[in-house]
Amino acid sequence: MFSKFFILLFIFINFLPNLYANEKKLIINRLINIHNITFNFEQITNEKKEIGICILVFDNKLKCKYKDSMQKEVLINGKTLVVSQKRYNKNYFYPIANTMFVNILNKKKLINLIEKSSYKIKKNIELSYVDENNKRIITFFEKENYNLIGWKVSDQLQNNIFFSLKIISINNEHDPIIFKIPLIN
């Protein structure tokens, strides 16, 4: 009986990493065929909840419209992040090069992050990665179809941001003009 336990334990220990590697490969294969996604989102930053809709185009383009009184929009094109408050005609510009968020917008970096992440399965698949500066990013994927469903990061101001998404469409045509960076006001 004791030897059967060790045999099962040995099989389990050797099988589990292969299972995780296979799951990661399935996630990566899913991502390879995705050029853009349109999705509804819920963002929680330090317990403040915001909702809206986004278009993510690989590589490095994102446009989000928030459903709020400020008519907030977030635009990322390349290395620049712009937060606009349409109601007050204000634009705020930020670099994104040193943030963990850039790993999600760039497909090669996202795939690299997935490959290097530790794997956890709960309600969904959680992939956790900590970089050399001790910054952590957790990406979430559905178990059934391996779609990206969210991420959790800390920004430059040490705000904890949880971003969940529900995909509306994949690989639609989008006018490139929507990713044009506005002028500095």
Protein backbone atom coordinates (compact mmCIF):
# COMPACT_ATOMS: atom_id res chain seq x y z
CA MET A 1 0.00 0.00 0.00
CA PHE A 2 2.81 2.36 0.95
CA SER A 3 4.64 1.72 -2.34
CA LYS A 4 1.44 2.37 -4.37
CA PHE A 5 1.19 5.78 -2.71
CA PHE A 6 4.74 6.68 -3.77
CA ILE A 7 4.13 5.41 -7.30
CA LEU A 8 1.01 7.59 -7.57
CA LEU A 9 2.86 10.53 -6.04
CA PHE A 10 5.74 10.04 -8.50
CA ILE A 11 3.33 9.92 -11.47
CA PHE A 12 1.47 12.99 -10.20
CA ILE A 13 4.66 15.01 -9.67
CA ASN A 14 5.96 14.13 -13.14
CA PHE A 15 2.63 14.54 -14.92
CA LEU A 16 1.60 17.91 -13.44
CA PRO A 17 4.35 20.06 -15.05
CA ASN A 18 3.53 18.51 -18.44
CA LEU A 19 -0.14 19.33 -17.96
CA TYR A 20 0.72 22.95 -17.15
CA ALA A 21 3.08 23.18 -20.12
CA ASN A 22 0.32 21.83 -22.37
CA GLU A 23 -2.20 24.36 -21.01
CA LYS A 24 0.28 27.18 -21.63
CA LYS A 25 0.79 25.95 -25.20
CA LEU A 26 -2.97 25.97 -25.77
CA ILE A 27 -3.19 29.56 -24.47
CA ILE A 28 -0.29 30.61 -26.71
CA ASN A 29 -1.80 28.89 -29.76
CA ARG A 30 -5.06 30.74 -29.08
CA LEU A 31 -3.22 34.09 -28.88
CA ILE A 32 -1.23 33.52 -32.07
CA ASN A 33 -4.43 33.66 -34.12
CA ILE A 34 -5.77 36.80 -32.44
CA HIS A 35 -4.92 40.18 -33.98
CA ASN A 36 -7.39 42.27 -31.99
CA ILE A 37 -10.20 41.98 -29.48
CA THR A 38 -13.12 44.19 -28.55
CA PHE A 39 -14.33 43.73 -24.99
CA ASN A 40 -16.34 45.12 -22.11
CA PHE A 41 -14.30 45.66 -18.98
CA GLU A 42 -14.52 46.23 -15.28
CA GLN A 43 -11.50 47.91 -13.71
CA ILE A 44 -10.95 48.05 -9.96
CA THR A 45 -8.22 50.41 -8.81
CA ASN A 46 -7.74 50.55 -5.05
CA GLU A 47 -11.40 49.54 -4.56
CA LYS A 48 -12.77 52.11 -7.07
CA LYS A 49 -14.77 50.35 -9.80
CA GLU A 50 -15.01 51.63 -13.38
CA ILE A 51 -16.59 50.03 -16.45
CA GLY A 52 -16.45 50.55 -20.20
CA ILE A 53 -15.49 49.11 -23.55
CA CYS A 54 -12.06 48.64 -25.18
CA ILE A 55 -10.40 47.68 -28.41
CA LEU A 56 -6.99 46.00 -28.08
CA VAL A 57 -4.95 45.66 -31.27
CA PHE A 58 -1.74 43.67 -31.11
CA ASP A 59 0.84 45.15 -31.01
CA ASN A 60 0.72 48.04 -28.58
CA LYS A 61 -2.61 49.69 -29.30
CA LEU A 62 -5.51 50.07 -26.91
CA LYS A 63 -8.50 52.38 -26.79
CA CYS A 64 -10.93 52.32 -23.88
CA LYS A 65 -14.04 54.41 -23.33
CA TYR A 66 -15.21 54.59 -19.74
CA LYS A 67 -18.84 54.93 -18.78
CA ASP A 68 -18.46 57.81 -16.34
CA SER A 69 -19.33 61.47 -15.90
CA MET A 70 -15.85 62.64 -17.03
CA GLN A 71 -16.21 60.88 -20.40
CA LYS A 72 -12.81 59.36 -19.74
CA GLU A 73 -10.90 57.66 -22.53
CA VAL A 74 -7.60 55.83 -22.39
CA LEU A 75 -5.51 55.52 -25.53
CA ILE A 76 -2.25 53.67 -25.95
CA ASN A 77 -0.37 53.78 -29.20
CA GLY A 78 3.16 52.48 -29.09
CA LYS A 79 4.94 53.88 -26.06
CA THR A 80 2.47 56.63 -25.09
CA LEU A 81 -0.56 56.41 -22.82
CA VAL A 82 -3.07 59.25 -22.99
CA VAL A 83 -5.85 59.68 -20.45
CA SER A 84 -8.47 62.06 -21.81
CA GLN A 85 -11.32 63.68 -19.94
CA LYS A 86 -13.54 64.64 -22.86
CA ARG A 87 -15.96 66.54 -20.63
CA TYR A 88 -13.21 69.02 -19.65
CA ASN A 89 -11.16 68.74 -22.87
CA LYS A 90 -8.06 67.63 -20.91
CA ASN A 91 -5.39 65.14 -21.99
CA TYR A 92 -2.72 63.66 -19.73
CA PHE A 93 0.29 61.90 -21.27
CA TYR A 94 2.31 59.11 -19.66
CA PRO A 95 5.08 56.78 -20.85
CA ILE A 96 4.28 53.07 -20.58
CA ALA A 97 7.72 51.62 -21.36
CA ASN A 98 8.57 50.78 -17.74
CA THR A 99 5.20 49.34 -16.77
CA MET A 100 4.15 45.70 -16.60
CA PHE A 101 1.13 46.65 -18.71
CA VAL A 102 3.28 46.80 -21.85
CA ASN A 103 3.63 42.99 -21.58
CA ILE A 104 -0.09 42.56 -22.27
CA LEU A 105 -0.25 44.85 -25.30
CA ASN A 106 2.63 43.25 -27.17
CA LYS A 107 1.84 39.71 -28.31
CA LYS A 108 5.49 38.49 -28.26
CA LYS A 109 5.98 39.87 -24.76
CA LEU A 110 2.67 38.36 -23.61
CA ILE A 111 3.65 34.96 -24.97
CA ASN A 112 7.06 35.25 -23.31
CA LEU A 113 5.37 36.23 -20.04
CA ILE A 114 3.04 33.20 -20.30
CA GLU A 115 5.98 30.86 -20.89
CA LYS A 116 7.84 32.18 -17.82
CA SER A 117 4.82 32.42 -15.49
CA SER A 118 3.93 30.11 -12.66
CA TYR A 119 0.67 28.29 -13.24
CA LYS A 120 -2.32 28.04 -10.93
CA ILE A 121 -5.75 26.69 -11.71
CA LYS A 122 -8.70 27.88 -9.70
CA LYS A 123 -11.99 28.94 -11.24
CA ASN A 124 -9.85 29.97 -14.22
CA ILE A 125 -6.20 29.69 -15.22
CA GLU A 126 -3.94 32.15 -13.38
CA LEU A 127 -0.45 32.83 -14.66
CA SER A 128 1.75 34.80 -12.29
CA TYR A 129 5.02 36.45 -13.27
CA VAL A 130 7.48 38.50 -11.18
CA ASP A 131 10.17 40.44 -13.02
CA GLU A 132 13.72 41.32 -11.91
CA ASN A 133 12.40 44.52 -10.23
CA ASN A 134 9.93 42.48 -8.16
CA LYS A 135 6.94 43.77 -10.15
CA ARG A 136 4.16 41.21 -10.40
CA ILE A 137 1.59 40.66 -13.10
CA ILE A 138 -1.09 38.01 -13.01
CA THR A 139 -2.97 37.17 -16.20
CA PHE A 140 -6.24 35.25 -16.21
CA PHE A 141 -7.50 32.92 -18.93
CA GLU A 142 -10.68 30.86 -19.28
CA LYS A 143 -10.23 27.13 -18.77
CA GLU A 144 -12.67 26.19 -21.52
CA ASN A 145 -11.42 28.24 -24.51
CA TYR A 146 -8.18 29.84 -23.25
CA ASN A 147 -9.40 33.40 -23.89
CA LEU A 148 -7.77 36.23 -21.98
CA ILE A 149 -10.20 37.38 -19.29
CA GLY A 150 -8.15 39.80 -17.23
CA TRP A 151 -5.03 40.85 -15.41
CA LYS A 152 -3.84 42.22 -12.11
CA VAL A 153 -0.90 44.67 -11.86
CA SER A 154 0.47 47.51 -9.79
CA ASP A 155 1.06 50.80 -11.60
CA GLN A 156 3.86 53.38 -11.18
CA LEU A 157 1.98 54.96 -8.25
CA GLN A 158 1.67 51.56 -6.50
CA ASN A 159 -2.06 51.38 -7.24
CA ASN A 160 -3.34 47.82 -7.41
CA ILE A 161 -5.33 47.40 -10.62
CA PHE A 162 -7.58 44.45 -11.36
CA PHE A 163 -8.91 44.47 -14.90
CA SER A 164 -11.48 41.88 -15.95
CA LEU A 165 -12.81 41.63 -19.47
CA LYS A 166 -15.54 39.92 -21.42
CA ILE A 167 -14.74 39.53 -25.10
CA ILE A 168 -17.38 40.84 -27.51
CA SER A 169 -15.55 40.12 -30.77
CA ILE A 170 -12.22 38.92 -32.12
CA ASN A 171 -10.34 40.00 -35.26
CA ASN A 172 -12.69 42.73 -36.48
CA GLU A 173 -11.58 45.54 -38.77
CA HIS A 174 -10.85 48.84 -36.99
CA ASP A 175 -10.08 52.24 -38.47
CA PRO A 176 -6.46 53.05 -37.52
CA ILE A 177 -7.46 56.69 -36.93
CA ILE A 178 -9.03 55.74 -33.60
CA PHE A 179 -5.51 55.13 -32.25
CA LYS A 180 -4.19 58.58 -33.23
CA ILE A 181 -2.56 60.33 -30.27
CA PRO A 182 -4.28 63.69 -29.57
CA LEU A 183 -2.39 66.94 -29.46
CA ILE A 184 -1.04 68.24 -26.17
CA ASN A 185 -3.47 70.80 -24.75
